[in-house]
Amino acid sequence: MLRRIPRLTPAFAEKSAVTPKEIANFVDALASAIAQGDPEALRFAAAMAAERAHNGAAGSRAFWRHLGAGEYADEASVREAAAAAGVRLAPSYLAIALELEDGAEAHDPSELRRLALDVFATSEAEIGALETISGVELLVPATREIDASNARTAASLLPKTIAKRKLSLRVSGGVGNAAPSVAAPLQLRRARLALAIGRRIFGPGRVHAYDELGAYALLHDGVSADELRAFGSRVLTPLREYDAKHQTELERTLRVYFADGQNVKTAAAELNVHRHTVFYRLRQVAEICRCDLAAPHDQLTLRLAMAIDALHS
């Protein structure tokens, strides 16, 4: 049957040699041969479909690689490149960096890639996956804040997920912030930074979010005065908003508590309240700031935010 199909296969490699009429004749003849069950026509159609799928996958991988490398100037350029590669974009993405603690010598990083794509699977848009020497970096669709929150939770629970599935993997990770796709390079950098700092300060086998590292990320980066102010504001704003709404003095209580060497009795006398009131306020501070006032890391973050506020407010 294929002998009757116009001999266009070699010409498809050089599309300029094929006229629209020849293409139409080829498609019609091939469709007729397939309809009649011709084995050679079916094999040829399957080969074309496989090649198209391969080219599409290659185009998708190239797009994510270029995006992660920061090769697109703006969001419009990102969307144009995504359309050309057949990638369906989400409004924003959460960056996650994962590494095998035993290295690529002990485990194949593609095993971690398959696990991560399963854990963070979503039907909303394609996940960007970039394999590294000893792990994988992901851009997980985060259309809504709840999507970003769910992905952060899944990332933090990844070591437990691995243990539950009885996999012989030990993974450390870092999570950036949810942001538009054009900001992927910055957020991937933050995810890598969270991974590196978390591993150094808290040990391997855990996943840490960049925002949760507080002062450590700030000190590591060596940031500008504007970024210092932004950090101080980000840490203290929840307390200030609560105080403004409920007419409380949580921020002042925390400042006095720190200034008095974390002595509740002295702080209570200075604030002219009962010491149980100070204890209650400090519990509120911990809940609102999502921190542990007994933890050196959280104390460092709060003290640094207050010092920055005193210097730059």
Protein backbone atom coordinates (compact mmCIF):
# COMPACT_ATOMS: atom_id res chain seq x y z
CA MET A 1 0.00 0.00 0.00
CA LEU A 2 2.81 2.46 0.91
CA ARG A 3 4.17 2.07 -2.62
CA ARG A 4 1.19 4.19 -3.70
CA ILE A 5 1.97 6.90 -1.12
CA PRO A 6 4.01 9.82 -2.51
CA ARG A 7 7.66 9.37 -1.56
CA LEU A 8 7.92 12.34 0.76
CA THR A 9 9.64 10.84 3.80
CA PRO A 10 13.16 12.10 2.88
CA ALA A 11 11.73 15.46 1.85
CA PHE A 12 10.17 16.01 5.30
CA ALA A 13 13.70 16.51 6.61
CA GLU A 14 13.92 19.51 4.25
CA LYS A 15 10.48 21.05 4.42
CA SER A 16 11.33 23.65 1.80
CA ALA A 17 11.41 20.83 -0.80
CA VAL A 18 7.79 19.87 -0.12
CA THR A 19 4.84 21.73 -1.60
CA PRO A 20 1.51 22.06 0.25
CA LYS A 21 -0.18 19.93 -2.40
CA GLU A 22 2.38 17.14 -2.00
CA ILE A 23 1.89 17.19 1.78
CA ALA A 24 -1.89 16.99 1.38
CA ASN A 25 -1.57 14.06 -1.07
CA PHE A 26 0.80 12.29 1.34
CA VAL A 27 -1.52 12.72 4.34
CA ASP A 28 -4.55 11.51 2.37
CA ALA A 29 -2.72 8.46 1.08
CA LEU A 30 -1.31 7.59 4.49
CA ALA A 31 -4.72 7.95 6.15
CA SER A 32 -6.24 5.64 3.52
CA ALA A 33 -3.50 3.05 4.06
CA ILE A 34 -3.97 3.17 7.85
CA ALA A 35 -7.75 2.81 7.46
CA GLN A 36 -7.16 -0.36 5.42
CA GLY A 37 -4.85 -1.76 8.12
CA ASP A 38 -1.65 -1.67 6.10
CA PRO A 39 1.13 -2.79 8.55
CA GLU A 40 3.81 -0.61 6.97
CA ALA A 41 1.58 2.46 7.15
CA LEU A 42 0.77 1.76 10.80
CA ARG A 43 4.47 1.38 11.64
CA PHE A 44 5.25 4.61 9.82
CA ALA A 45 2.49 6.51 11.66
CA ALA A 46 3.69 5.12 15.00
CA ALA A 47 7.24 6.19 14.23
CA MET A 48 6.04 9.71 13.36
CA ALA A 49 4.08 9.89 16.63
CA ALA A 50 7.08 8.69 18.64
CA GLU A 51 9.37 11.22 16.97
CA ARG A 52 6.88 14.01 17.65
CA ALA A 53 6.64 12.97 21.32
CA HIS A 54 10.43 12.82 21.60
CA ASN A 55 10.84 16.24 20.00
CA GLY A 56 8.16 17.65 22.29
CA ALA A 57 9.86 16.25 25.39
CA ALA A 58 13.22 17.58 24.24
CA GLY A 59 11.69 21.00 23.63
CA SER A 60 10.11 20.98 27.09
CA ARG A 61 13.40 20.03 28.77
CA ALA A 62 15.23 22.76 26.87
CA PHE A 63 12.63 25.34 27.91
CA TRP A 64 12.96 24.54 31.63
CA ARG A 65 16.74 24.51 31.35
CA HIS A 66 16.78 27.95 29.72
CA LEU A 67 14.25 29.28 32.25
CA GLY A 68 16.31 28.05 35.20
CA ALA A 69 19.42 29.65 33.71
CA GLY A 70 17.68 33.03 33.46
CA GLU A 71 17.83 33.27 29.68
CA TYR A 72 14.44 34.96 29.27
CA ALA A 73 14.27 38.72 29.70
CA ASP A 74 10.66 39.06 30.86
CA GLU A 75 7.41 37.21 31.42
CA ALA A 76 6.30 37.75 27.82
CA SER A 77 9.46 36.06 26.56
CA VAL A 78 8.88 33.16 28.94
CA ARG A 79 5.32 32.66 27.69
CA GLU A 80 6.36 32.86 24.04
CA ALA A 81 9.08 30.24 24.58
CA ALA A 82 6.71 28.03 26.57
CA ALA A 83 4.12 28.12 23.79
CA ALA A 84 6.77 27.19 21.23
CA ALA A 85 7.87 24.25 23.39
CA GLY A 86 4.29 23.10 24.06
CA VAL A 87 4.54 23.82 27.80
CA ARG A 88 1.43 24.92 29.71
CA LEU A 89 2.50 27.55 32.23
CA ALA A 90 1.04 28.32 35.66
CA PRO A 91 0.80 31.92 36.95
CA SER A 92 3.54 31.21 39.51
CA TYR A 93 5.88 28.46 40.65
CA LEU A 94 7.45 27.25 43.89
CA ALA A 95 11.15 26.41 43.55
CA ILE A 96 12.44 23.29 45.32
CA ALA A 97 16.00 21.94 45.34
CA LEU A 98 16.62 18.33 46.42
CA GLU A 99 19.90 16.44 46.81
CA LEU A 100 20.79 12.86 47.62
CA GLU A 101 22.95 12.76 50.73
CA ASP A 102 24.70 9.60 49.55
CA GLY A 103 25.50 11.24 46.22
CA ALA A 104 24.98 10.06 42.68
CA GLU A 105 27.50 7.24 43.19
CA ALA A 106 25.15 5.34 45.52
CA HIS A 107 21.83 6.22 43.85
CA ASP A 108 20.64 7.28 40.45
CA PRO A 109 19.35 10.91 40.65
CA SER A 110 16.63 9.96 38.17
CA GLU A 111 15.11 7.83 40.98
CA LEU A 112 14.76 10.98 43.08
CA ARG A 113 13.34 12.81 40.07
CA ARG A 114 10.62 10.17 39.60
CA LEU A 115 9.77 10.28 43.30
CA ALA A 116 9.58 14.09 43.34
CA LEU A 117 7.36 14.24 40.24
CA ASP A 118 5.02 11.75 41.92
CA VAL A 119 4.95 13.60 45.27
CA PHE A 120 4.36 17.04 43.72
CA ALA A 121 2.10 15.87 40.88
CA THR A 122 -0.54 18.37 39.77
CA SER A 123 -3.01 18.55 36.91
CA GLU A 124 -2.91 22.34 36.66
CA ALA A 125 0.32 22.73 34.67
CA GLU A 126 3.59 21.02 33.89
CA ILE A 127 6.25 20.67 36.60
CA GLY A 128 9.67 21.91 35.57
CA ALA A 129 12.30 19.33 36.53
CA LEU A 130 16.04 19.97 36.18
CA GLU A 131 18.34 17.08 37.06
CA THR A 132 21.60 17.99 38.78
CA ILE A 133 24.69 15.88 39.49
CA SER A 134 23.29 14.58 42.78
CA GLY A 135 19.61 15.48 42.74
CA VAL A 136 16.85 17.46 41.08
CA GLU A 137 15.49 21.00 41.07
CA LEU A 138 11.78 21.54 40.62
CA LEU A 139 9.47 24.37 39.66
CA VAL A 140 6.10 23.29 41.05
CA PRO A 141 2.95 25.09 39.78
CA ALA A 142 1.47 27.31 42.50
CA THR A 143 -1.58 28.99 41.00
CA ARG A 144 -3.00 29.85 44.44
CA GLU A 145 -1.39 30.35 47.84
CA ILE A 146 -2.94 27.07 48.99
CA ASP A 147 -1.06 25.30 46.18
CA ALA A 148 2.24 26.80 47.36
CA SER A 149 1.40 25.91 50.97
CA ASN A 150 0.59 22.30 50.03
CA ALA A 151 3.82 21.99 48.04
CA ARG A 152 5.86 23.41 50.94
CA THR A 153 4.23 20.91 53.30
CA ALA A 154 4.87 18.02 50.90
CA ALA A 155 8.51 19.11 50.63
CA SER A 156 8.98 19.30 54.40
CA LEU A 157 7.47 15.81 54.75
CA LEU A 158 9.55 14.30 51.93
CA PRO A 159 12.02 12.50 54.26
CA LYS A 160 9.05 10.88 56.05
CA THR A 161 7.46 10.02 52.70
CA ILE A 162 10.68 8.29 51.65
CA ALA A 163 10.78 6.33 54.92
CA LYS A 164 7.11 5.37 54.59
CA ARG A 165 7.71 4.03 51.07
CA LYS A 166 10.76 2.13 52.38
CA LEU A 167 13.10 3.68 49.83
CA SER A 168 16.84 3.62 50.47
CA LEU A 169 17.24 7.34 49.83
CA ARG A 170 18.42 10.09 52.16
CA VAL A 171 17.46 13.52 50.90
CA SER A 172 18.13 17.10 51.94
CA GLY A 173 16.25 19.98 50.39
CA GLY A 174 15.50 23.66 50.23
CA VAL A 175 12.38 25.60 49.23
CA GLY A 176 12.27 29.08 47.73
CA ASN A 177 9.23 31.34 47.42
CA ALA A 178 6.26 31.20 45.06
CA ALA A 179 6.82 33.67 42.22
CA PRO A 180 6.08 34.23 38.50
CA SER A 181 8.03 32.00 36.13
CA VAL A 182 10.42 34.79 35.07
CA ALA A 183 11.69 34.88 38.69
CA ALA A 184 12.61 31.18 38.58
CA PRO A 185 16.41 31.78 38.62
CA LEU A 186 16.20 33.84 41.84
CA GLN A 187 13.87 31.37 43.55
CA LEU A 188 15.96 28.37 42.51
CA ARG A 189 18.99 30.15 43.98
CA ARG A 190 17.07 30.67 47.23
CA ALA A 191 16.06 27.01 47.27
CA ARG A 192 19.71 25.96 46.83
CA LEU A 193 20.73 28.41 49.56
CA ALA A 194 18.08 27.04 51.93
CA LEU A 195 19.36 23.52 51.23
CA ALA A 196 23.00 24.48 51.89
CA ILE A 197 22.31 26.54 55.04
CA GLY A 198 19.85 24.02 56.46
CA ARG A 199 22.31 21.19 55.96
CA ARG A 200 25.16 23.15 57.59
CA ILE A 201 23.18 24.49 60.58
CA PHE A 202 20.67 21.73 61.28
CA GLY A 203 22.28 18.68 59.65
CA PRO A 204 21.42 16.56 56.60
CA GLY A 205 18.23 14.67 55.86
CA ARG A 206 15.82 17.61 56.22
CA VAL A 207 14.04 20.10 53.97
CA HIS A 208 14.08 23.80 54.92
CA ALA A 209 12.24 26.80 53.49
CA TYR A 210 14.25 29.94 52.71
CA ASP A 211 11.91 32.20 54.69
CA GLU A 212 12.15 29.95 57.75
CA LEU A 213 15.94 30.34 57.93
CA GLY A 214 15.52 33.96 59.00
CA ALA A 215 18.80 35.58 59.99
CA TYR A 216 20.96 32.78 58.58
CA ALA A 217 19.89 33.47 55.00
CA LEU A 218 20.30 37.21 55.59
CA LEU A 219 23.82 36.86 56.98
CA HIS A 220 24.87 34.44 54.26
CA ASP A 221 23.76 36.72 51.43
CA GLY A 222 25.35 39.97 52.65
CA VAL A 223 22.35 42.05 51.63
CA SER A 224 21.75 45.76 51.03
CA ALA A 225 20.17 48.26 53.45
CA ASP A 226 16.86 48.00 51.58
CA GLU A 227 16.89 44.23 51.95
CA LEU A 228 17.72 44.58 55.64
CA ARG A 229 14.71 46.87 56.09
CA ALA A 230 12.52 44.41 54.17
CA PHE A 231 13.69 41.57 56.43
CA GLY A 232 12.97 43.54 59.61
CA SER A 233 9.55 44.52 58.34
CA ARG A 234 8.70 40.96 57.29
CA VAL A 235 9.53 39.61 60.75
CA LEU A 236 7.87 42.34 62.83
CA THR A 237 4.82 43.21 60.70
CA PRO A 238 2.64 40.30 62.00
CA LEU A 239 3.15 41.54 65.58
CA ARG A 240 2.45 45.15 64.64
CA GLU A 241 -0.70 44.28 62.75
CA TYR A 242 -1.96 42.20 65.70
CA ASP A 243 -1.17 45.02 68.16
CA ALA A 244 -2.94 47.58 65.96
CA LYS A 245 -6.02 45.40 65.57
CA HIS A 246 -6.35 44.26 69.20
CA GLN A 247 -4.80 47.22 71.04
CA THR A 248 -2.16 44.98 72.63
CA GLU A 249 1.55 45.49 73.35
CA LEU A 250 3.13 42.31 72.10
CA GLU A 251 6.01 43.98 70.25
CA ARG A 252 6.84 46.19 73.24
CA THR A 253 6.64 43.20 75.58
CA LEU A 254 9.09 41.26 73.41
CA ARG A 255 11.51 44.19 73.24
CA VAL A 256 11.45 44.65 77.03
CA TYR A 257 11.80 40.89 77.59
CA PHE A 258 14.93 40.75 75.43
CA ALA A 259 16.34 44.00 76.87
CA ASP A 260 15.94 42.61 80.40
CA GLY A 261 17.93 39.48 79.61
CA GLN A 262 14.80 37.37 79.13
CA ASN A 263 13.91 37.83 82.79
CA VAL A 264 10.12 37.62 83.03
CA LYS A 265 9.94 39.07 86.55
CA THR A 266 11.98 42.15 85.60
CA ALA A 267 10.05 42.61 82.36
CA ALA A 268 6.72 42.38 84.23
CA ALA A 269 7.83 45.09 86.67
CA GLU A 270 8.91 47.38 83.86
CA LEU A 271 5.67 46.81 81.96
CA ASN A 272 3.66 47.16 85.19
CA VAL A 273 1.82 43.87 84.64
CA HIS A 274 1.74 40.48 86.37
CA ARG A 275 4.43 38.02 85.26
CA HIS A 276 1.69 35.61 84.11
CA THR A 277 0.63 38.33 81.66
CA VAL A 278 4.15 38.43 80.27
CA PHE A 279 4.17 34.64 79.87
CA TYR A 280 0.82 34.82 78.06
CA ARG A 281 2.02 37.60 75.74
CA LEU A 282 5.19 35.69 74.89
CA ARG A 283 3.09 32.64 73.97
CA GLN A 284 1.07 34.91 71.68
CA VAL A 285 4.27 36.25 70.12
CA ALA A 286 5.49 32.71 69.43
CA GLU A 287 2.16 31.75 67.85
CA ILE A 288 1.87 34.87 65.68
CA CYS A 289 5.52 34.76 64.53
CA ARG A 290 5.47 30.97 64.21
CA CYS A 291 8.61 30.64 66.25
CA ASP A 292 10.01 29.15 69.44
CA LEU A 293 11.35 31.82 71.79
CA ALA A 294 13.52 29.21 73.50
CA ALA A 295 15.27 28.32 70.21
CA PRO A 296 18.54 30.21 69.54
CA HIS A 297 17.75 30.38 65.81
CA ASP A 298 14.38 32.07 66.33
CA GLN A 299 15.79 34.38 69.00
CA LEU A 300 18.53 35.44 66.57
CA THR A 301 15.96 36.22 63.88
CA LEU A 302 13.77 38.32 66.20
CA ARG A 303 16.69 40.14 67.83
CA LEU A 304 18.21 40.94 64.45
CA ALA A 305 14.88 42.20 63.10
CA MET A 306 14.55 44.53 66.10
CA ALA A 307 18.13 45.75 65.73
CA ILE A 308 17.57 46.47 62.03
CA ASP A 309 14.34 48.29 62.85
CA ALA A 310 16.11 50.42 65.43
CA LEU A 311 18.84 51.34 62.95
CA HIS A 312 16.78 51.87 59.81
CA SER A 313 13.25 52.82 60.87
